[in-house]
N, C-alpha and C. Protein backbone atom coordinates (compact mmCIF):
# COMPACT_ATOMS: atom_id res chain seq x y z
N UNK A 1 -16.98 29.80 2.99
CA UNK A 1 -15.52 29.82 2.82
C UNK A 1 -15.08 28.48 2.21
N UNK A 2 -14.49 28.55 1.03
CA UNK A 2 -14.07 27.31 0.36
C UNK A 2 -12.74 26.81 0.91
N UNK A 3 -12.65 25.48 0.99
CA UNK A 3 -11.39 24.87 1.46
C UNK A 3 -10.27 25.21 0.48
N UNK A 4 -9.06 25.52 0.98
CA UNK A 4 -7.96 25.71 0.03
C UNK A 4 -7.67 24.40 -0.72
N UNK A 5 -7.25 24.56 -1.97
CA UNK A 5 -6.99 23.40 -2.84
C UNK A 5 -6.02 22.40 -2.22
N UNK A 6 -4.94 22.93 -1.60
CA UNK A 6 -3.93 22.01 -1.06
C UNK A 6 -4.51 21.18 0.08
N UNK A 7 -5.47 21.74 0.82
CA UNK A 7 -6.08 20.97 1.91
C UNK A 7 -6.93 19.83 1.34
N UNK A 8 -7.63 20.13 0.25
CA UNK A 8 -8.45 19.08 -0.40
C UNK A 8 -7.57 17.90 -0.81
N UNK A 9 -6.39 18.22 -1.35
CA UNK A 9 -5.49 17.15 -1.80
C UNK A 9 -4.95 16.38 -0.59
N UNK A 10 -4.62 17.11 0.48
CA UNK A 10 -4.13 16.44 1.70
C UNK A 10 -5.21 15.52 2.26
N UNK A 11 -6.48 15.96 2.18
CA UNK A 11 -7.59 15.12 2.66
C UNK A 11 -7.77 13.90 1.76
N UNK A 12 -7.56 14.10 0.46
CA UNK A 12 -7.66 12.97 -0.47
C UNK A 12 -6.56 11.94 -0.16
N UNK A 13 -5.38 12.45 0.18
CA UNK A 13 -4.28 11.56 0.57
C UNK A 13 -4.69 10.75 1.79
N UNK A 14 -5.30 11.41 2.76
CA UNK A 14 -5.73 10.72 3.99
C UNK A 14 -6.81 9.68 3.68
N UNK A 15 -7.82 10.07 2.88
CA UNK A 15 -8.91 9.14 2.56
C UNK A 15 -8.40 7.92 1.80
N UNK A 16 -7.52 8.17 0.81
CA UNK A 16 -7.00 7.03 0.04
C UNK A 16 -6.10 6.16 0.92
N UNK A 17 -5.42 6.78 1.87
CA UNK A 17 -4.55 6.02 2.79
C UNK A 17 -5.40 5.12 3.69
N UNK A 18 -6.56 5.63 4.14
CA UNK A 18 -7.44 4.80 4.98
C UNK A 18 -7.94 3.59 4.19
N UNK A 19 -8.35 3.84 2.95
CA UNK A 19 -8.83 2.74 2.10
C UNK A 19 -7.69 1.75 1.83
N UNK A 20 -6.50 2.28 1.64
CA UNK A 20 -5.32 1.44 1.36
C UNK A 20 -4.98 0.56 2.56
N UNK A 21 -5.04 1.13 3.76
CA UNK A 21 -4.75 0.34 4.97
C UNK A 21 -5.79 -0.77 5.14
N UNK A 22 -7.05 -0.50 4.79
CA UNK A 22 -8.07 -1.55 4.83
C UNK A 22 -7.72 -2.68 3.87
N UNK A 23 -7.22 -2.31 2.70
CA UNK A 23 -6.84 -3.31 1.70
C UNK A 23 -5.64 -4.13 2.18
N UNK A 24 -4.68 -3.45 2.79
CA UNK A 24 -3.51 -4.15 3.34
C UNK A 24 -3.92 -5.09 4.47
N UNK A 25 -4.88 -4.64 5.28
CA UNK A 25 -5.40 -5.46 6.38
C UNK A 25 -6.00 -6.74 5.81
N UNK A 26 -6.76 -6.59 4.74
CA UNK A 26 -7.38 -7.74 4.08
C UNK A 26 -6.30 -8.71 3.57
N UNK A 27 -5.26 -8.18 2.95
CA UNK A 27 -4.20 -9.04 2.42
C UNK A 27 -3.43 -9.75 3.52
N UNK A 28 -3.07 -9.00 4.58
CA UNK A 28 -2.20 -9.56 5.61
C UNK A 28 -2.98 -10.33 6.67
N UNK A 29 -4.01 -9.71 7.21
CA UNK A 29 -4.71 -10.30 8.35
C UNK A 29 -5.79 -11.30 7.95
N UNK A 30 -6.24 -11.23 6.71
CA UNK A 30 -7.28 -12.18 6.28
C UNK A 30 -6.68 -13.23 5.33
N UNK A 31 -6.31 -12.82 4.12
CA UNK A 31 -5.78 -13.80 3.16
C UNK A 31 -4.54 -14.52 3.70
N UNK A 32 -3.52 -13.76 4.03
CA UNK A 32 -2.25 -14.37 4.46
C UNK A 32 -2.44 -15.21 5.72
N UNK A 33 -3.12 -14.64 6.71
CA UNK A 33 -3.29 -15.34 7.99
C UNK A 33 -4.07 -16.64 7.82
N UNK A 34 -5.17 -16.58 7.07
CA UNK A 34 -6.00 -17.79 6.92
C UNK A 34 -5.34 -18.84 6.03
N UNK A 35 -4.68 -18.39 4.97
CA UNK A 35 -3.98 -19.35 4.10
C UNK A 35 -2.82 -20.00 4.83
N UNK A 36 -2.16 -19.22 5.68
CA UNK A 36 -1.03 -19.74 6.46
C UNK A 36 -1.52 -20.78 7.47
N UNK A 37 -2.66 -20.49 8.09
CA UNK A 37 -3.22 -21.40 9.10
C UNK A 37 -3.50 -22.77 8.47
N UNK A 38 -4.12 -22.75 7.31
CA UNK A 38 -4.44 -24.01 6.62
C UNK A 38 -3.17 -24.71 6.13
N UNK A 39 -2.19 -23.92 5.70
CA UNK A 39 -0.92 -24.52 5.24
C UNK A 39 -0.22 -25.22 6.41
N UNK A 40 -0.28 -24.59 7.59
CA UNK A 40 0.34 -25.19 8.79
C UNK A 40 -0.34 -26.50 9.16
N UNK A 41 -1.64 -26.57 8.89
CA UNK A 41 -2.38 -27.82 9.17
C UNK A 41 -2.12 -28.87 8.09
N UNK A 42 -1.32 -28.50 7.10
CA UNK A 42 -0.99 -29.44 6.03
C UNK A 42 -2.15 -29.73 5.10
N UNK A 43 -3.13 -28.81 5.05
CA UNK A 43 -4.33 -29.10 4.26
C UNK A 43 -4.30 -28.55 2.84
N UNK A 44 -3.46 -27.55 2.58
CA UNK A 44 -3.57 -26.90 1.27
C UNK A 44 -2.26 -26.92 0.48
N UNK A 45 -1.33 -26.06 0.87
CA UNK A 45 -0.05 -25.95 0.16
C UNK A 45 1.05 -25.84 1.21
N UNK A 46 2.32 -26.05 0.82
CA UNK A 46 3.40 -25.86 1.79
C UNK A 46 3.43 -24.41 2.32
N UNK A 47 3.83 -24.26 3.58
CA UNK A 47 3.91 -22.92 4.19
C UNK A 47 4.80 -21.99 3.37
N UNK A 48 5.88 -22.56 2.85
CA UNK A 48 6.84 -21.77 2.05
C UNK A 48 6.14 -21.05 0.89
N UNK A 49 5.20 -21.76 0.28
CA UNK A 49 4.49 -21.19 -0.88
C UNK A 49 3.69 -19.96 -0.46
N UNK A 50 3.01 -20.06 0.67
CA UNK A 50 2.21 -18.93 1.16
C UNK A 50 3.14 -17.74 1.44
N UNK A 51 4.28 -18.04 2.08
CA UNK A 51 5.25 -16.96 2.36
C UNK A 51 5.75 -16.32 1.07
N UNK A 52 6.00 -17.16 0.06
CA UNK A 52 6.50 -16.62 -1.21
C UNK A 52 5.45 -15.77 -1.92
N UNK A 53 4.19 -16.15 -1.79
CA UNK A 53 3.11 -15.38 -2.43
C UNK A 53 3.00 -13.99 -1.82
N UNK A 54 3.04 -13.93 -0.49
CA UNK A 54 2.75 -12.66 0.17
C UNK A 54 3.99 -11.81 0.46
N UNK A 55 5.17 -12.37 0.18
CA UNK A 55 6.41 -11.60 0.29
C UNK A 55 6.46 -10.84 1.63
N UNK A 56 6.72 -9.53 1.59
CA UNK A 56 6.84 -8.77 2.84
C UNK A 56 5.60 -7.92 3.12
N UNK A 57 4.43 -8.43 2.75
CA UNK A 57 3.18 -7.67 2.93
C UNK A 57 2.94 -7.31 4.41
N UNK A 58 3.35 -8.17 5.34
CA UNK A 58 3.12 -7.89 6.76
C UNK A 58 3.86 -6.63 7.19
N UNK A 59 5.10 -6.47 6.76
CA UNK A 59 5.87 -5.26 7.10
C UNK A 59 5.22 -4.02 6.50
N UNK A 60 4.76 -4.14 5.27
CA UNK A 60 4.11 -3.00 4.60
C UNK A 60 2.85 -2.61 5.36
N UNK A 61 2.05 -3.63 5.72
CA UNK A 61 0.81 -3.36 6.46
C UNK A 61 1.09 -2.70 7.81
N UNK A 62 2.02 -3.27 8.56
CA UNK A 62 2.34 -2.72 9.90
C UNK A 62 2.78 -1.27 9.79
N UNK A 63 3.63 -0.99 8.83
CA UNK A 63 4.14 0.37 8.68
C UNK A 63 3.01 1.38 8.41
N UNK A 64 2.13 1.04 7.48
CA UNK A 64 1.06 1.99 7.12
C UNK A 64 0.01 2.11 8.22
N UNK A 65 -0.34 0.97 8.83
CA UNK A 65 -1.40 0.98 9.85
C UNK A 65 -0.93 1.61 11.16
N UNK A 66 0.30 1.32 11.55
CA UNK A 66 0.76 1.76 12.88
C UNK A 66 1.49 3.10 12.85
N UNK A 67 2.01 3.47 11.67
CA UNK A 67 2.83 4.67 11.64
C UNK A 67 2.28 5.75 10.70
N UNK A 68 2.23 5.44 9.41
CA UNK A 68 1.92 6.51 8.46
C UNK A 68 0.49 7.02 8.57
N UNK A 69 -0.48 6.11 8.62
CA UNK A 69 -1.89 6.55 8.71
C UNK A 69 -2.15 7.37 9.98
N UNK A 70 -1.73 6.89 11.18
CA UNK A 70 -1.96 7.70 12.39
C UNK A 70 -1.28 9.07 12.33
N UNK A 71 -0.08 9.13 11.76
CA UNK A 71 0.63 10.41 11.63
C UNK A 71 -0.16 11.38 10.75
N UNK A 72 -0.68 10.83 9.66
CA UNK A 72 -1.44 11.63 8.70
C UNK A 72 -2.75 12.12 9.33
N UNK A 73 -3.41 11.21 10.06
CA UNK A 73 -4.67 11.58 10.73
C UNK A 73 -4.44 12.73 11.71
N UNK A 74 -3.40 12.58 12.50
CA UNK A 74 -3.08 13.59 13.50
C UNK A 74 -2.82 14.94 12.82
N UNK A 75 -2.08 14.88 11.73
CA UNK A 75 -1.73 16.10 11.01
C UNK A 75 -2.97 16.79 10.44
N UNK A 76 -3.91 16.01 9.91
CA UNK A 76 -5.11 16.61 9.32
C UNK A 76 -6.03 17.20 10.40
N UNK A 77 -6.01 16.60 11.60
CA UNK A 77 -6.80 17.16 12.71
C UNK A 77 -6.24 18.52 13.14
N UNK A 78 -4.93 18.69 12.99
CA UNK A 78 -4.28 19.95 13.40
C UNK A 78 -4.14 20.95 12.26
N UNK A 79 -4.77 20.64 11.12
CA UNK A 79 -4.52 21.43 9.91
C UNK A 79 -4.70 22.93 10.12
N UNK A 80 -5.76 23.32 10.85
CA UNK A 80 -6.06 24.75 10.99
C UNK A 80 -4.90 25.53 11.63
N UNK A 81 -4.17 24.89 12.55
CA UNK A 81 -3.04 25.61 13.16
C UNK A 81 -1.69 25.18 12.59
N UNK A 82 -1.67 24.07 11.83
CA UNK A 82 -0.39 23.60 11.28
C UNK A 82 -0.62 22.97 9.90
N UNK A 83 -0.85 23.81 8.87
CA UNK A 83 -1.23 23.26 7.56
C UNK A 83 -0.04 22.72 6.77
N UNK A 84 0.39 21.50 7.11
CA UNK A 84 1.54 20.93 6.38
C UNK A 84 1.54 19.40 6.45
N UNK A 85 2.01 18.78 5.39
CA UNK A 85 2.17 17.31 5.39
C UNK A 85 3.55 16.90 4.86
N UNK A 86 4.30 17.87 4.33
CA UNK A 86 5.60 17.56 3.71
C UNK A 86 6.54 16.79 4.62
N UNK A 87 6.60 17.22 5.88
CA UNK A 87 7.53 16.57 6.82
C UNK A 87 7.12 15.13 7.11
N UNK A 88 5.81 14.89 7.20
CA UNK A 88 5.31 13.53 7.46
C UNK A 88 5.67 12.61 6.29
N UNK A 89 5.53 13.14 5.07
CA UNK A 89 5.83 12.33 3.89
C UNK A 89 7.34 12.07 3.78
N UNK A 90 8.14 13.03 4.22
CA UNK A 90 9.59 12.79 4.24
C UNK A 90 9.94 11.61 5.14
N UNK A 91 9.21 11.50 6.24
CA UNK A 91 9.45 10.37 7.16
C UNK A 91 9.03 9.05 6.52
N UNK A 92 8.02 9.12 5.67
CA UNK A 92 7.49 7.93 5.01
C UNK A 92 8.46 7.40 3.95
N UNK A 93 9.07 8.32 3.21
CA UNK A 93 9.83 7.94 2.01
C UNK A 93 10.86 6.82 2.19
N UNK A 94 11.73 6.87 3.22
CA UNK A 94 12.73 5.80 3.35
C UNK A 94 12.10 4.42 3.51
N UNK A 95 10.93 4.37 4.16
CA UNK A 95 10.27 3.08 4.39
C UNK A 95 9.70 2.50 3.10
N UNK A 96 9.47 3.35 2.13
CA UNK A 96 8.88 2.86 0.89
C UNK A 96 9.84 1.97 0.10
N UNK A 97 11.12 1.97 0.52
CA UNK A 97 12.09 1.09 -0.16
C UNK A 97 11.68 -0.37 -0.04
N UNK A 98 10.93 -0.68 1.04
CA UNK A 98 10.54 -2.09 1.21
C UNK A 98 9.55 -2.53 0.12
N UNK A 99 9.01 -1.59 -0.63
CA UNK A 99 8.11 -1.96 -1.73
C UNK A 99 8.86 -2.64 -2.87
N UNK A 100 10.17 -2.33 -3.00
CA UNK A 100 10.96 -2.93 -4.07
C UNK A 100 10.84 -4.45 -4.06
N UNK A 101 10.98 -5.02 -2.87
CA UNK A 101 10.91 -6.47 -2.71
C UNK A 101 9.53 -7.01 -3.12
N UNK A 102 8.48 -6.33 -2.67
CA UNK A 102 7.10 -6.76 -2.97
C UNK A 102 6.84 -6.68 -4.47
N UNK A 103 7.22 -5.56 -5.06
CA UNK A 103 6.98 -5.33 -6.49
C UNK A 103 7.73 -6.35 -7.34
N UNK A 104 8.99 -6.61 -6.96
CA UNK A 104 9.81 -7.56 -7.71
C UNK A 104 9.21 -8.96 -7.66
N UNK A 105 8.56 -9.27 -6.57
CA UNK A 105 8.02 -10.61 -6.34
C UNK A 105 6.62 -10.79 -6.95
N UNK A 106 6.01 -9.69 -7.40
CA UNK A 106 4.58 -9.71 -7.74
C UNK A 106 4.22 -10.74 -8.82
N UNK A 107 4.95 -10.73 -9.95
CA UNK A 107 4.63 -11.66 -11.04
C UNK A 107 4.74 -13.11 -10.60
N UNK A 108 5.79 -13.39 -9.83
CA UNK A 108 6.01 -14.74 -9.32
C UNK A 108 4.85 -15.14 -8.39
N UNK A 109 4.41 -14.18 -7.58
CA UNK A 109 3.31 -14.45 -6.64
C UNK A 109 2.04 -14.84 -7.40
N UNK A 110 1.74 -14.10 -8.46
CA UNK A 110 0.54 -14.38 -9.25
C UNK A 110 0.66 -15.75 -9.92
N UNK A 111 1.85 -16.06 -10.41
CA UNK A 111 2.09 -17.40 -11.02
C UNK A 111 1.87 -18.50 -9.99
N UNK A 112 2.37 -18.28 -8.77
CA UNK A 112 2.22 -19.30 -7.72
C UNK A 112 0.75 -19.52 -7.36
N UNK A 113 -0.02 -18.43 -7.33
CA UNK A 113 -1.46 -18.57 -7.01
C UNK A 113 -2.12 -19.44 -8.08
N UNK A 114 -1.81 -19.16 -9.35
CA UNK A 114 -2.40 -19.92 -10.46
C UNK A 114 -1.97 -21.39 -10.39
N UNK A 115 -0.67 -21.60 -10.24
CA UNK A 115 -0.11 -22.95 -10.22
C UNK A 115 -0.72 -23.79 -9.09
N UNK A 116 -0.73 -23.23 -7.87
CA UNK A 116 -1.21 -24.01 -6.73
C UNK A 116 -2.73 -24.11 -6.67
N UNK A 117 -3.42 -23.20 -7.33
CA UNK A 117 -4.88 -23.32 -7.41
C UNK A 117 -5.24 -24.54 -8.26
N UNK A 118 -4.39 -24.82 -9.27
CA UNK A 118 -4.62 -26.01 -10.10
C UNK A 118 -4.20 -27.28 -9.36
N UNK A 119 -3.09 -27.20 -8.63
CA UNK A 119 -2.56 -28.38 -7.94
C UNK A 119 -3.35 -28.76 -6.70
N UNK A 120 -3.90 -27.76 -6.02
CA UNK A 120 -4.52 -28.01 -4.72
C UNK A 120 -5.93 -27.41 -4.64
N UNK A 121 -6.96 -28.25 -4.92
CA UNK A 121 -8.34 -27.75 -4.85
C UNK A 121 -8.69 -27.10 -3.50
N UNK A 122 -8.21 -27.63 -2.34
CA UNK A 122 -8.55 -26.96 -1.08
C UNK A 122 -8.00 -25.53 -1.00
N UNK A 123 -6.83 -25.32 -1.60
CA UNK A 123 -6.21 -23.98 -1.64
C UNK A 123 -7.10 -23.05 -2.46
N UNK A 124 -7.52 -23.55 -3.62
CA UNK A 124 -8.38 -22.76 -4.51
C UNK A 124 -9.71 -22.44 -3.82
N UNK A 125 -10.26 -23.45 -3.13
CA UNK A 125 -11.55 -23.25 -2.44
C UNK A 125 -11.46 -22.20 -1.35
N UNK A 126 -10.37 -22.25 -0.58
CA UNK A 126 -10.21 -21.28 0.51
C UNK A 126 -10.11 -19.86 -0.05
N UNK A 127 -9.34 -19.69 -1.12
CA UNK A 127 -9.24 -18.36 -1.74
C UNK A 127 -10.62 -17.92 -2.24
N UNK A 128 -11.32 -18.84 -2.90
CA UNK A 128 -12.66 -18.51 -3.42
C UNK A 128 -13.61 -18.12 -2.30
N UNK A 129 -13.53 -18.84 -1.16
CA UNK A 129 -14.39 -18.52 -0.01
C UNK A 129 -14.12 -17.11 0.52
N UNK A 130 -12.84 -16.78 0.64
CA UNK A 130 -12.50 -15.44 1.15
C UNK A 130 -12.96 -14.37 0.15
N UNK A 131 -12.77 -14.66 -1.13
CA UNK A 131 -13.16 -13.69 -2.17
C UNK A 131 -14.65 -13.42 -2.19
N UNK A 132 -15.44 -14.37 -1.69
CA UNK A 132 -16.91 -14.19 -1.67
C UNK A 132 -17.35 -13.24 -0.56
N UNK A 133 -16.46 -12.98 0.41
CA UNK A 133 -16.85 -12.12 1.53
C UNK A 133 -17.05 -10.68 1.08
N UNK A 134 -17.93 -10.03 1.83
CA UNK A 134 -18.29 -8.65 1.48
C UNK A 134 -17.05 -7.74 1.42
N UNK A 135 -16.12 -7.97 2.35
CA UNK A 135 -14.93 -7.13 2.46
C UNK A 135 -14.09 -7.16 1.17
N UNK A 136 -14.23 -8.21 0.37
CA UNK A 136 -13.46 -8.31 -0.88
C UNK A 136 -14.08 -7.53 -2.03
N UNK A 137 -15.31 -7.07 -1.85
CA UNK A 137 -15.98 -6.25 -2.87
C UNK A 137 -15.94 -6.89 -4.27
N UNK A 138 -16.18 -8.21 -4.32
CA UNK A 138 -16.19 -8.95 -5.59
C UNK A 138 -14.89 -8.91 -6.38
N UNK A 139 -13.79 -8.61 -5.71
CA UNK A 139 -12.50 -8.57 -6.41
C UNK A 139 -11.66 -9.78 -6.01
N UNK A 140 -10.77 -10.18 -6.92
CA UNK A 140 -9.95 -11.37 -6.67
C UNK A 140 -8.74 -11.03 -5.79
N UNK A 141 -8.13 -12.07 -5.27
CA UNK A 141 -6.89 -11.90 -4.48
C UNK A 141 -5.84 -11.16 -5.32
N UNK A 142 -5.70 -11.57 -6.59
CA UNK A 142 -4.69 -10.94 -7.46
C UNK A 142 -4.94 -9.44 -7.59
N UNK A 143 -6.22 -9.09 -7.70
CA UNK A 143 -6.58 -7.67 -7.83
C UNK A 143 -6.16 -6.89 -6.59
N UNK A 144 -6.46 -7.45 -5.42
CA UNK A 144 -6.08 -6.79 -4.16
C UNK A 144 -4.56 -6.69 -4.03
N UNK A 145 -3.87 -7.72 -4.52
CA UNK A 145 -2.41 -7.74 -4.40
C UNK A 145 -1.72 -6.69 -5.28
N UNK A 146 -2.44 -6.23 -6.29
CA UNK A 146 -1.89 -5.21 -7.18
C UNK A 146 -1.82 -3.84 -6.50
N UNK A 147 -2.64 -3.67 -5.48
CA UNK A 147 -2.75 -2.36 -4.81
C UNK A 147 -1.41 -1.79 -4.32
N UNK A 148 -0.58 -2.56 -3.60
CA UNK A 148 0.72 -2.00 -3.18
C UNK A 148 1.62 -1.61 -4.36
N UNK A 149 1.49 -2.34 -5.47
CA UNK A 149 2.30 -2.03 -6.66
C UNK A 149 1.92 -0.64 -7.18
N UNK A 150 0.64 -0.31 -7.05
CA UNK A 150 0.15 0.97 -7.60
C UNK A 150 0.22 2.13 -6.61
N UNK A 151 0.55 1.85 -5.36
CA UNK A 151 0.44 2.89 -4.33
C UNK A 151 1.51 3.99 -4.46
N UNK A 152 2.75 3.63 -4.75
CA UNK A 152 3.80 4.66 -4.81
C UNK A 152 3.56 5.66 -5.95
N UNK A 153 3.22 5.18 -7.16
CA UNK A 153 2.88 6.15 -8.22
C UNK A 153 1.74 7.08 -7.80
N UNK A 154 0.82 6.53 -7.00
CA UNK A 154 -0.31 7.32 -6.51
C UNK A 154 0.16 8.43 -5.55
N UNK A 155 1.08 8.09 -4.66
CA UNK A 155 1.65 9.11 -3.76
C UNK A 155 2.30 10.21 -4.59
N UNK A 156 3.03 9.78 -5.61
CA UNK A 156 3.76 10.75 -6.43
C UNK A 156 2.80 11.73 -7.10
N UNK A 157 1.71 11.20 -7.67
CA UNK A 157 0.72 12.05 -8.35
C UNK A 157 0.06 13.03 -7.38
N UNK A 158 -0.35 12.51 -6.22
CA UNK A 158 -1.02 13.37 -5.24
C UNK A 158 -0.08 14.47 -4.74
N UNK A 159 1.15 14.10 -4.50
CA UNK A 159 2.11 15.06 -3.96
C UNK A 159 2.49 16.12 -5.00
N UNK A 160 2.60 15.70 -6.26
CA UNK A 160 2.87 16.66 -7.35
C UNK A 160 1.76 17.70 -7.38
N UNK A 161 0.54 17.21 -7.31
CA UNK A 161 -0.64 18.06 -7.32
C UNK A 161 -0.63 19.01 -6.13
N UNK A 162 -0.28 18.45 -4.98
CA UNK A 162 -0.25 19.23 -3.73
C UNK A 162 0.77 20.37 -3.83
N UNK A 163 1.97 20.05 -4.30
CA UNK A 163 3.03 21.06 -4.44
C UNK A 163 2.59 22.15 -5.43
N UNK A 164 1.94 21.72 -6.52
CA UNK A 164 1.47 22.68 -7.53
C UNK A 164 0.46 23.68 -6.95
N UNK A 165 -0.39 23.16 -6.03
CA UNK A 165 -1.46 24.00 -5.50
C UNK A 165 -1.04 24.84 -4.28
N UNK A 166 0.17 24.61 -3.78
CA UNK A 166 0.61 25.35 -2.59
C UNK A 166 0.83 26.82 -2.92
N UNK A 167 0.34 27.73 -2.07
CA UNK A 167 0.67 29.14 -2.28
C UNK A 167 2.18 29.34 -2.13
N UNK A 168 2.76 30.29 -2.89
CA UNK A 168 4.22 30.48 -2.87
C UNK A 168 4.77 30.67 -1.45
N UNK A 169 4.00 31.33 -0.60
CA UNK A 169 4.52 31.64 0.75
C UNK A 169 4.19 30.55 1.77
N UNK A 170 3.66 29.41 1.30
CA UNK A 170 3.25 28.36 2.24
C UNK A 170 4.43 27.87 3.09
N UNK A 171 4.17 27.66 4.39
CA UNK A 171 5.24 27.14 5.26
C UNK A 171 5.63 25.70 4.91
N UNK A 172 4.78 25.05 4.09
CA UNK A 172 5.06 23.64 3.77
C UNK A 172 5.85 23.48 2.46
N UNK A 173 6.06 24.60 1.75
CA UNK A 173 6.64 24.48 0.41
C UNK A 173 7.97 23.72 0.38
N UNK A 174 8.90 24.13 1.21
CA UNK A 174 10.24 23.52 1.19
C UNK A 174 10.17 22.03 1.52
N UNK A 175 9.44 21.69 2.59
CA UNK A 175 9.30 20.29 3.00
C UNK A 175 8.59 19.46 1.94
N UNK A 176 7.53 20.03 1.37
CA UNK A 176 6.74 19.29 0.38
C UNK A 176 7.56 19.03 -0.88
N UNK A 177 8.35 20.01 -1.29
CA UNK A 177 9.19 19.82 -2.49
C UNK A 177 10.26 18.75 -2.24
N UNK A 178 10.82 18.78 -1.04
CA UNK A 178 11.84 17.78 -0.68
C UNK A 178 11.19 16.38 -0.62
N UNK A 179 9.98 16.33 -0.05
CA UNK A 179 9.25 15.05 0.04
C UNK A 179 8.96 14.50 -1.35
N UNK A 180 8.57 15.39 -2.27
CA UNK A 180 8.26 14.96 -3.64
C UNK A 180 9.51 14.38 -4.30
N UNK A 181 10.63 15.03 -4.08
CA UNK A 181 11.90 14.54 -4.63
C UNK A 181 12.21 13.14 -4.10
N UNK A 182 11.99 12.95 -2.79
CA UNK A 182 12.25 11.64 -2.16
C UNK A 182 11.32 10.57 -2.72
N UNK A 183 10.04 10.92 -2.86
CA UNK A 183 9.06 9.95 -3.40
C UNK A 183 9.41 9.63 -4.85
N UNK A 184 9.85 10.64 -5.58
CA UNK A 184 10.24 10.45 -6.97
C UNK A 184 11.37 9.42 -7.07
N UNK A 185 12.36 9.54 -6.19
CA UNK A 185 13.48 8.59 -6.17
C UNK A 185 13.01 7.18 -5.83
N UNK A 186 12.09 7.08 -4.88
CA UNK A 186 11.57 5.76 -4.49
C UNK A 186 10.77 5.16 -5.64
N UNK A 187 10.00 6.00 -6.33
CA UNK A 187 9.20 5.52 -7.47
C UNK A 187 10.13 4.98 -8.56
N UNK A 188 11.25 5.66 -8.74
CA UNK A 188 12.23 5.22 -9.74
C UNK A 188 12.79 3.85 -9.35
N UNK A 189 13.08 3.71 -8.06
CA UNK A 189 13.58 2.46 -7.48
C UNK A 189 12.56 1.34 -7.71
N UNK A 190 11.30 1.66 -7.46
CA UNK A 190 10.21 0.69 -7.62
C UNK A 190 10.01 0.34 -9.09
N UNK A 191 10.11 1.34 -9.98
CA UNK A 191 9.99 1.07 -11.42
C UNK A 191 11.13 0.21 -11.92
N UNK A 192 12.31 0.43 -11.35
CA UNK A 192 13.47 -0.39 -11.72
C UNK A 192 13.20 -1.84 -11.31
N UNK A 193 12.56 -2.01 -10.15
CA UNK A 193 12.21 -3.37 -9.70
C UNK A 193 11.20 -4.00 -10.66
N UNK A 194 10.25 -3.19 -11.15
CA UNK A 194 9.26 -3.70 -12.11
C UNK A 194 9.98 -4.11 -13.40
N UNK A 195 10.92 -3.28 -13.83
CA UNK A 195 11.67 -3.56 -15.07
C UNK A 195 12.45 -4.87 -14.98
N UNK A 196 12.87 -5.21 -13.75
CA UNK A 196 13.65 -6.44 -13.57
C UNK A 196 12.79 -7.69 -13.54
N UNK A 197 11.48 -7.50 -13.45
CA UNK A 197 10.60 -8.66 -13.27
C UNK A 197 10.63 -9.57 -14.50
């Protein structure tokens, strides 16, 4: 018995969300936390600079790790008796507004990393040390920081696909279409923030 197409997409959403939460954990709990610790010791850069680089990444991480991912996991475990994700995504959509701030700040954050890496060798060394860890998968801090910028368009694509694959009589159709509309509006909001950069 082959899995229905919409379930495959819902599972892909869950898998990519797990990987995304790991990436957010790396940004918030590893890079931000360790750079902040050294900044507080007065060894690298002013604390303000670290805060400006990471913007509101902590709020984004907390939201996905504590709320959205667990909700999605629970929903996929119950799929056989309750095959729907539209309502969960509707709950997610209003929180995605906080991405506007992160996205708007992104270019400035990258500039600050470059500027302070030149000004402060200990800052550059600490970033390089963290980047060498296995968890970074040979990618730079800037590369990891791009992930939240790309996440909303990714939700939009997956959800479009999901709605397309739903059988006409699916109990999730109405919720999923409404969720897609909400994500579409948030993506527009986020793109407007990119345009202002």
